[in-house]
């Protein structure tokens, strides 16, 4: 029914721009809730960004365009993540042992694969019947509490019968302790974890156990991603 005195219908918003904005907000909010529901039901992989609704209204005078942005409840759009590495501790990245200057011996720094697992940062040394034992020692200056690496034979090792015994030695003052030896053949990888407790020095050793290969080219003992941690 019309108001006889004003000619307007009662109960309606009189400003067309305000009415359009309210309608847009309601529509966008409904869409946002539906998007969140779909994501939680597994029908969407993720909500990449909050929906944006653009409303164009016509009112007396110049045309007005209003853009309304609604962020869905619980949306994480725009939130950043930081990769802190795979290890826990104060220094999550660790220090590469390959970057330290050894005080005795010498391994080769380079990239390789152990059982199809690639390592861009690593140490290796060829072993054979003429050089059955290889080792290198580093001064740690009592800075580190643990050492981690993946040990094994490089995939390019030519002798399928090659077996190598891996041992780590920790020197602290006048005492020298050894880890439990691990014997590995080709296509075998083993995680090495050594507790240092701020030791003075670390020695890594590889000893030939079995081989039918050549004097020095049977294969290479390797330490993939050798990392020192100070915690």
C-alpha atoms as a PDB file:
ATOM      1  CA  UNK A   1       0.000   0.000   0.000  1.00  0.00           C
ATOM      2  CA  UNK A   2       1.325   3.514  -0.824  1.00  0.00           C
ATOM      3  CA  UNK A   3       1.641   6.347   1.651  1.00  0.00           C
ATOM      4  CA  UNK A   4      -0.850   8.883   0.345  1.00  0.00           C
ATOM      5  CA  UNK A   5       1.084  11.851   1.684  1.00  0.00           C
ATOM      6  CA  UNK A   6       4.577  11.023   0.394  1.00  0.00           C
ATOM      7  CA  UNK A   7       4.000   8.572  -2.417  1.00  0.00           C
ATOM      8  CA  UNK A   8       6.648   6.201  -0.945  1.00  0.00           C
ATOM      9  CA  UNK A   9       6.260   2.651   0.270  1.00  0.00           C
ATOM     10  CA  UNK A  10       6.947   2.396   4.035  1.00  0.00           C
ATOM     11  CA  UNK A  11       9.706   0.188   5.396  1.00  0.00           C
ATOM     12  CA  UNK A  12      12.152   0.496   2.456  1.00  0.00           C
ATOM     13  CA  UNK A  13      15.654   1.975   2.457  1.00  0.00           C
ATOM     14  CA  UNK A  14      15.391   5.326   0.774  1.00  0.00           C
ATOM     15  CA  UNK A  15      18.994   5.659  -0.446  1.00  0.00           C
ATOM     16  CA  UNK A  16      19.697   3.342  -3.414  1.00  0.00           C
ATOM     17  CA  UNK A  17      23.477   3.269  -2.785  1.00  0.00           C
ATOM     18  CA  UNK A  18      23.013   2.176   0.837  1.00  0.00           C
ATOM     19  CA  UNK A  19      20.539  -0.483  -0.210  1.00  0.00           C
ATOM     20  CA  UNK A  20      22.944  -1.835  -2.828  1.00  0.00           C
ATOM     21  CA  UNK A  21      25.838  -1.980  -0.354  1.00  0.00           C
ATOM     22  CA  UNK A  22      23.737  -3.852   2.191  1.00  0.00           C
ATOM     23  CA  UNK A  23      22.600  -6.304  -0.475  1.00  0.00           C
ATOM     24  CA  UNK A  24      26.190  -6.830  -1.635  1.00  0.00           C
ATOM     25  CA  UNK A  25      27.418  -7.451   1.899  1.00  0.00           C
ATOM     26  CA  UNK A  26      24.703 -10.019   2.522  1.00  0.00           C
ATOM     27  CA  UNK A  27      25.420 -11.757  -0.788  1.00  0.00           C
ATOM     28  CA  UNK A  28      29.190 -11.789  -0.234  1.00  0.00           C
ATOM     29  CA  UNK A  29      28.834 -13.081   3.320  1.00  0.00           C
ATOM     30  CA  UNK A  30      26.612 -15.934   2.150  1.00  0.00           C
ATOM     31  CA  UNK A  31      29.154 -16.803  -0.551  1.00  0.00           C
ATOM     32  CA  UNK A  32      32.016 -16.685   1.952  1.00  0.00           C
ATOM     33  CA  UNK A  33      30.250 -19.020   4.365  1.00  0.00           C
ATOM     34  CA  UNK A  34      29.477 -21.409   1.517  1.00  0.00           C
ATOM     35  CA  UNK A  35      33.136 -21.353   0.424  1.00  0.00           C
ATOM     36  CA  UNK A  36      34.373 -22.127   3.936  1.00  0.00           C
ATOM     37  CA  UNK A  37      31.856 -24.972   4.233  1.00  0.00           C
ATOM     38  CA  UNK A  38      32.997 -26.414   0.903  1.00  0.00           C
ATOM     39  CA  UNK A  39      36.646 -26.231   1.942  1.00  0.00           C
ATOM     40  CA  UNK A  40      35.949 -27.977   5.232  1.00  0.00           C
ATOM     41  CA  UNK A  41      33.998 -30.693   3.415  1.00  0.00           C
ATOM     42  CA  UNK A  42      36.998 -31.341   1.177  1.00  0.00           C
ATOM     43  CA  UNK A  43      35.327 -29.949  -1.935  1.00  0.00           C
ATOM     44  CA  UNK A  44      37.863 -27.165  -2.271  1.00  0.00           C
ATOM     45  CA  UNK A  45      41.637 -27.497  -1.873  1.00  0.00           C
ATOM     46  CA  UNK A  46      42.050 -24.126  -0.198  1.00  0.00           C
ATOM     47  CA  UNK A  47      40.630 -20.629  -0.009  1.00  0.00           C
ATOM     48  CA  UNK A  48      43.200 -18.609  -1.886  1.00  0.00           C
ATOM     49  CA  UNK A  49      41.796 -15.146  -1.203  1.00  0.00           C
ATOM     50  CA  UNK A  50      38.723 -13.512   0.278  1.00  0.00           C
ATOM     51  CA  UNK A  51      35.875 -12.956  -2.207  1.00  0.00           C
ATOM     52  CA  UNK A  52      35.431  -9.450  -3.584  1.00  0.00           C
ATOM     53  CA  UNK A  53      32.060  -8.111  -4.672  1.00  0.00           C
ATOM     54  CA  UNK A  54      31.742  -5.045  -6.909  1.00  0.00           C
ATOM     55  CA  UNK A  55      28.457  -3.163  -6.865  1.00  0.00           C
ATOM     56  CA  UNK A  56      27.431  -0.454  -9.321  1.00  0.00           C
ATOM     57  CA  UNK A  57      24.467   1.654  -8.350  1.00  0.00           C
ATOM     58  CA  UNK A  58      22.587   4.339 -10.181  1.00  0.00           C
ATOM     59  CA  UNK A  59      21.322   7.257  -8.198  1.00  0.00           C
ATOM     60  CA  UNK A  60      20.413  10.809  -9.021  1.00  0.00           C
ATOM     61  CA  UNK A  61      23.617  12.467 -10.090  1.00  0.00           C
ATOM     62  CA  UNK A  62      26.894  10.809 -11.224  1.00  0.00           C
ATOM     63  CA  UNK A  63      27.063   6.996 -11.314  1.00  0.00           C
ATOM     64  CA  UNK A  64      28.674   5.511  -8.228  1.00  0.00           C
ATOM     65  CA  UNK A  65      30.715   2.282  -8.096  1.00  0.00           C
ATOM     66  CA  UNK A  66      31.263   0.695  -4.696  1.00  0.00           C
ATOM     67  CA  UNK A  67      33.674  -2.230  -4.061  1.00  0.00           C
ATOM     68  CA  UNK A  68      33.021  -4.352  -1.002  1.00  0.00           C
ATOM     69  CA  UNK A  69      35.563  -6.950   0.226  1.00  0.00           C
ATOM     70  CA  UNK A  70      34.462  -9.611   2.665  1.00  0.00           C
ATOM     71  CA  UNK A  71      36.947 -11.923   4.395  1.00  0.00           C
ATOM     72  CA  UNK A  72      35.449 -15.351   5.213  1.00  0.00           C
ATOM     73  CA  UNK A  73      35.431 -16.352   8.875  1.00  0.00           C
ATOM     74  CA  UNK A  74      38.551 -18.323   9.731  1.00  0.00           C
ATOM     75  CA  UNK A  75      40.201 -17.511   6.410  1.00  0.00           C
ATOM     76  CA  UNK A  76      44.000 -17.730   6.333  1.00  0.00           C
ATOM     77  CA  UNK A  77      44.383 -15.912   3.054  1.00  0.00           C
ATOM     78  CA  UNK A  78      47.556 -13.899   2.937  1.00  0.00           C
ATOM     79  CA  UNK A  79      49.131 -15.686   5.878  1.00  0.00           C
ATOM     80  CA  UNK A  80      52.782 -16.524   5.316  1.00  0.00           C
ATOM     81  CA  UNK A  81      54.714 -19.571   6.454  1.00  0.00           C
ATOM     82  CA  UNK A  82      58.379 -19.908   7.301  1.00  0.00           C
ATOM     83  CA  UNK A  83      60.386 -23.036   6.630  1.00  0.00           C
ATOM     84  CA  UNK A  84      62.451 -23.673   9.733  1.00  0.00           C
ATOM     85  CA  UNK A  85      64.122 -26.799   8.422  1.00  0.00           C
ATOM     86  CA  UNK A  86      63.771 -30.403   9.405  1.00  0.00           C
ATOM     87  CA  UNK A  87      65.855 -30.291  12.565  1.00  0.00           C
ATOM     88  CA  UNK A  88      64.919 -28.827  15.907  1.00  0.00           C
ATOM     89  CA  UNK A  89      67.124 -26.634  18.023  1.00  0.00           C
ATOM     90  CA  UNK A  90      68.450 -23.114  18.174  1.00  0.00           C
ATOM     91  CA  UNK A  91      70.282 -23.394  14.875  1.00  0.00           C
ATOM     92  CA  UNK A  92      67.815 -25.332  12.720  1.00  0.00           C
ATOM     93  CA  UNK A  93      69.904 -25.103   9.571  1.00  0.00           C
ATOM     94  CA  UNK A  94      73.095 -26.335  11.200  1.00  0.00           C
ATOM     95  CA  UNK A  95      76.625 -25.805   9.903  1.00  0.00           C
ATOM     96  CA  UNK A  96      77.915 -27.851   7.003  1.00  0.00           C
ATOM     97  CA  UNK A  97      80.892 -29.980   7.988  1.00  0.00           C
ATOM     98  CA  UNK A  98      81.977 -29.796   4.352  1.00  0.00           C
ATOM     99  CA  UNK A  99      82.644 -26.075   4.833  1.00  0.00           C
ATOM    100  CA  UNK A 100      85.073 -26.601   7.730  1.00  0.00           C
ATOM    101  CA  UNK A 101      88.801 -26.976   7.126  1.00  0.00           C
ATOM    102  CA  UNK A 102      90.018 -30.394   8.364  1.00  0.00           C
ATOM    103  CA  UNK A 103      93.076 -30.672  10.585  1.00  0.00           C
ATOM    104  CA  UNK A 104      93.970 -34.153   9.306  1.00  0.00           C
ATOM    105  CA  UNK A 105      93.124 -36.174   6.233  1.00  0.00           C
ATOM    106  CA  UNK A 106      90.842 -34.927   3.526  1.00  0.00           C
ATOM    107  CA  UNK A 107      87.556 -35.882   1.918  1.00  0.00           C
ATOM    108  CA  UNK A 108      86.175 -34.569  -1.350  1.00  0.00           C
ATOM    109  CA  UNK A 109      83.349 -32.054  -1.152  1.00  0.00           C
ATOM    110  CA  UNK A 110      80.635 -32.545  -3.752  1.00  0.00           C
ATOM    111  CA  UNK A 111      77.225 -33.847  -4.762  1.00  0.00           C
ATOM    112  CA  UNK A 112      76.183 -37.478  -5.172  1.00  0.00           C
ATOM    113  CA  UNK A 113      73.347 -39.914  -4.547  1.00  0.00           C
ATOM    114  CA  UNK A 114      73.060 -42.670  -1.947  1.00  0.00           C
ATOM    115  CA  UNK A 115      70.410 -45.261  -2.812  1.00  0.00           C
ATOM    116  CA  UNK A 116      68.785 -42.787  -5.253  1.00  0.00           C
ATOM    117  CA  UNK A 117      68.659 -40.061  -2.588  1.00  0.00           C
ATOM    118  CA  UNK A 118      70.462 -36.987  -3.971  1.00  0.00           C
ATOM    119  CA  UNK A 119      72.711 -34.816  -1.825  1.00  0.00           C
ATOM    120  CA  UNK A 120      73.928 -31.447  -3.030  1.00  0.00           C
ATOM    121  CA  UNK A 121      76.108 -30.985   0.042  1.00  0.00           C
ATOM    122  CA  UNK A 122      78.304 -33.902   1.011  1.00  0.00           C
ATOM    123  CA  UNK A 123      81.696 -35.488   1.572  1.00  0.00           C
ATOM    124  CA  UNK A 124      83.057 -38.636  -0.061  1.00  0.00           C
ATOM    125  CA  UNK A 125      86.274 -40.563  -0.611  1.00  0.00           C
ATOM    126  CA  UNK A 126      87.158 -43.431  -2.948  1.00  0.00           C
ATOM    127  CA  UNK A 127      88.067 -46.733  -1.340  1.00  0.00           C
ATOM    128  CA  UNK A 128      89.630 -49.863  -2.787  1.00  0.00           C
ATOM    129  CA  UNK A 129      92.053 -52.663  -2.125  1.00  0.00           C
ATOM    130  CA  UNK A 130      94.968 -50.206  -2.165  1.00  0.00           C
ATOM    131  CA  UNK A 131      93.407 -47.650   0.192  1.00  0.00           C
ATOM    132  CA  UNK A 132      91.348 -49.678   2.585  1.00  0.00           C
ATOM    133  CA  UNK A 133      91.020 -46.999   5.281  1.00  0.00           C
ATOM    134  CA  UNK A 134      90.162 -43.338   4.734  1.00  0.00           C
ATOM    135  CA  UNK A 135      89.518 -40.778   7.471  1.00  0.00           C
ATOM    136  CA  UNK A 136      89.363 -37.056   8.136  1.00  0.00           C
ATOM    137  CA  UNK A 137      89.410 -35.067  11.402  1.00  0.00           C
ATOM    138  CA  UNK A 138      87.977 -31.623  12.156  1.00  0.00           C
ATOM    139  CA  UNK A 139      88.566 -29.259  15.068  1.00  0.00           C
ATOM    140  CA  UNK A 140      85.136 -28.351  16.451  1.00  0.00           C
ATOM    141  CA  UNK A 141      86.391 -25.815  19.028  1.00  0.00           C
ATOM    142  CA  UNK A 142      83.836 -27.175  21.506  1.00  0.00           C
ATOM    143  CA  UNK A 143      81.032 -25.369  19.655  1.00  0.00           C
ATOM    144  CA  UNK A 144      78.671 -28.218  18.805  1.00  0.00           C
ATOM    145  CA  UNK A 145      76.404 -30.661  20.597  1.00  0.00           C
ATOM    146  CA  UNK A 146      75.526 -33.103  17.808  1.00  0.00           C
ATOM    147  CA  UNK A 147      76.339 -34.202  14.279  1.00  0.00           C
ATOM    148  CA  UNK A 148      73.977 -35.703  11.693  1.00  0.00           C
ATOM    149  CA  UNK A 149      74.578 -37.203   8.256  1.00  0.00           C
ATOM    150  CA  UNK A 150      73.377 -39.947   5.929  1.00  0.00           C
ATOM    151  CA  UNK A 151      76.107 -42.513   5.266  1.00  0.00           C
ATOM    152  CA  UNK A 152      76.492 -45.067   2.513  1.00  0.00           C
ATOM    153  CA  UNK A 153      78.176 -45.764  -0.815  1.00  0.00           C
ATOM    154  CA  UNK A 154      77.602 -43.483  -3.763  1.00  0.00           C
ATOM    155  CA  UNK A 155      75.366 -44.898  -6.471  1.00  0.00           C
ATOM    156  CA  UNK A 156      78.219 -44.491  -8.954  1.00  0.00           C
ATOM    157  CA  UNK A 157      80.314 -47.061  -7.081  1.00  0.00           C
ATOM    158  CA  UNK A 158      81.217 -49.700  -9.663  1.00  0.00           C
ATOM    159  CA  UNK A 159      81.807 -52.751  -7.447  1.00  0.00           C
ATOM    160  CA  UNK A 160      78.493 -54.419  -6.466  1.00  0.00           C
ATOM    161  CA  UNK A 161      80.309 -56.498  -3.818  1.00  0.00           C
ATOM    162  CA  UNK A 162      81.774 -53.455  -2.051  1.00  0.00           C
ATOM    163  CA  UNK A 163      81.126 -53.204   1.687  1.00  0.00           C
ATOM    164  CA  UNK A 164      82.446 -50.439   3.929  1.00  0.00           C
ATOM    165  CA  UNK A 165      82.484 -50.006   7.708  1.00  0.00           C
ATOM    166  CA  UNK A 166      81.642 -46.474   8.907  1.00  0.00           C
ATOM    167  CA  UNK A 167      82.759 -45.166  12.317  1.00  0.00           C
ATOM    168  CA  UNK A 168      82.855 -41.731  13.954  1.00  0.00           C
ATOM    169  CA  UNK A 169      85.334 -40.814  16.695  1.00  0.00           C
ATOM    170  CA  UNK A 170      84.811 -38.028  19.213  1.00  0.00           C
ATOM    171  CA  UNK A 171      87.787 -36.476  20.982  1.00  0.00           C
ATOM    172  CA  UNK A 172      87.181 -34.546  24.200  1.00  0.00           C
ATOM    173  CA  UNK A 173      90.327 -33.552  26.016  1.00  0.00           C
ATOM    174  CA  UNK A 174      92.357 -36.727  26.396  1.00  0.00           C
ATOM    175  CA  UNK A 175      89.430 -39.133  25.874  1.00  0.00           C
ATOM    176  CA  UNK A 176      88.478 -40.601  22.495  1.00  0.00           C
ATOM    177  CA  UNK A 177      85.230 -42.494  22.028  1.00  0.00           C
ATOM    178  CA  UNK A 178      83.823 -44.260  18.981  1.00  0.00           C
ATOM    179  CA  UNK A 179      80.320 -44.754  17.678  1.00  0.00           C
ATOM    180  CA  UNK A 180      79.028 -48.235  16.931  1.00  0.00           C
ATOM    181  CA  UNK A 181      80.439 -49.254  13.524  1.00  0.00           C
ATOM    182  CA  UNK A 182      77.953 -49.623  10.667  1.00  0.00           C
ATOM    183  CA  UNK A 183      78.727 -51.861   7.664  1.00  0.00           C
ATOM    184  CA  UNK A 184      76.945 -50.894   4.452  1.00  0.00           C
ATOM    185  CA  UNK A 185      76.886 -52.147   0.886  1.00  0.00           C
ATOM    186  CA  UNK A 186      75.771 -50.472  -2.299  1.00  0.00           C
ATOM    187  CA  UNK A 187      72.235 -49.072  -2.340  1.00  0.00           C
ATOM    188  CA  UNK A 188      72.080 -48.955   1.438  1.00  0.00           C
ATOM    189  CA  UNK A 189      71.642 -45.660   3.295  1.00  0.00           C
ATOM    190  CA  UNK A 190      71.873 -45.186   7.047  1.00  0.00           C
ATOM    191  CA  UNK A 191      71.241 -42.089   9.225  1.00  0.00           C
ATOM    192  CA  UNK A 192      74.241 -41.252  11.397  1.00  0.00           C
ATOM    193  CA  UNK A 193      73.598 -39.312  14.602  1.00  0.00           C
ATOM    194  CA  UNK A 194      76.512 -38.478  16.869  1.00  0.00           C
ATOM    195  CA  UNK A 195      76.272 -36.784  20.267  1.00  0.00           C
ATOM    196  CA  UNK A 196      79.170 -34.342  20.606  1.00  0.00           C
ATOM    197  CA  UNK A 197      78.534 -32.519  23.897  1.00  0.00           C
ATOM    198  CA  UNK A 198      80.909 -29.714  22.898  1.00  0.00           C
ATOM    199  CA  UNK A 199      83.743 -32.084  22.041  1.00  0.00           C
ATOM    200  CA  UNK A 200      87.099 -30.865  20.769  1.00  0.00           C
ATOM    201  CA  UNK A 201      87.249 -32.834  17.523  1.00  0.00           C
ATOM    202  CA  UNK A 202      85.337 -35.180  15.226  1.00  0.00           C
ATOM    203  CA  UNK A 203      86.847 -37.870  13.003  1.00  0.00           C
ATOM    204  CA  UNK A 204      84.943 -39.731  10.287  1.00  0.00           C
ATOM    205  CA  UNK A 205      86.373 -43.043   9.110  1.00  0.00           C
ATOM    206  CA  UNK A 206      85.520 -45.566   6.389  1.00  0.00           C
ATOM    207  CA  UNK A 207      87.206 -48.977   6.202  1.00  0.00           C
ATOM    208  CA  UNK A 208      86.939 -51.403   3.296  1.00  0.00           C
ATOM    209  CA  UNK A 209      85.400 -54.690   4.424  1.00  0.00           C
ATOM    210  CA  UNK A 210      84.790 -56.526   1.151  1.00  0.00           C
ATOM    211  CA  UNK A 211      85.508 -55.820  -2.497  1.00  0.00           C
ATOM    212  CA  UNK A 212      86.284 -57.522  -5.766  1.00  0.00           C
ATOM    213  CA  UNK A 213      87.013 -54.226  -7.442  1.00  0.00           C
ATOM    214  CA  UNK A 214      90.145 -52.372  -8.452  1.00  0.00           C
ATOM    215  CA  UNK A 215      92.922 -50.909  -6.353  1.00  0.00           C
ATOM    216  CA  UNK A 216      91.262 -47.543  -5.787  1.00  0.00           C
ATOM    217  CA  UNK A 217      88.131 -47.411  -7.935  1.00  0.00           C
ATOM    218  CA  UNK A 218      85.816 -49.894  -6.269  1.00  0.00           C
ATOM    219  CA  UNK A 219      83.561 -47.126  -5.057  1.00  0.00           C
ATOM    220  CA  UNK A 220      83.217 -44.185  -2.714  1.00  0.00           C
ATOM    221  CA  UNK A 221      82.187 -43.956   0.920  1.00  0.00           C
ATOM    222  CA  UNK A 222      79.978 -40.920   1.425  1.00  0.00           C
ATOM    223  CA  UNK A 223      78.453 -38.685   4.095  1.00  0.00           C
ATOM    224  CA  UNK A 224      75.392 -36.890   2.745  1.00  0.00           C
ATOM    225  CA  UNK A 225      74.282 -33.545   4.187  1.00  0.00           C
ATOM    226  CA  UNK A 226      76.821 -33.608   7.068  1.00  0.00           C
ATOM    227  CA  UNK A 227      75.547 -31.094   9.624  1.00  0.00           C
ATOM    228  CA  UNK A 228      76.804 -29.796  12.956  1.00  0.00           C
ATOM    229  CA  UNK A 229      74.369 -28.315  15.469  1.00  0.00           C
ATOM    230  CA  UNK A 230      75.031 -25.947  18.368  1.00  0.00           C
ATOM    231  CA  UNK A 231      72.153 -25.953  20.859  1.00  0.00           C
END
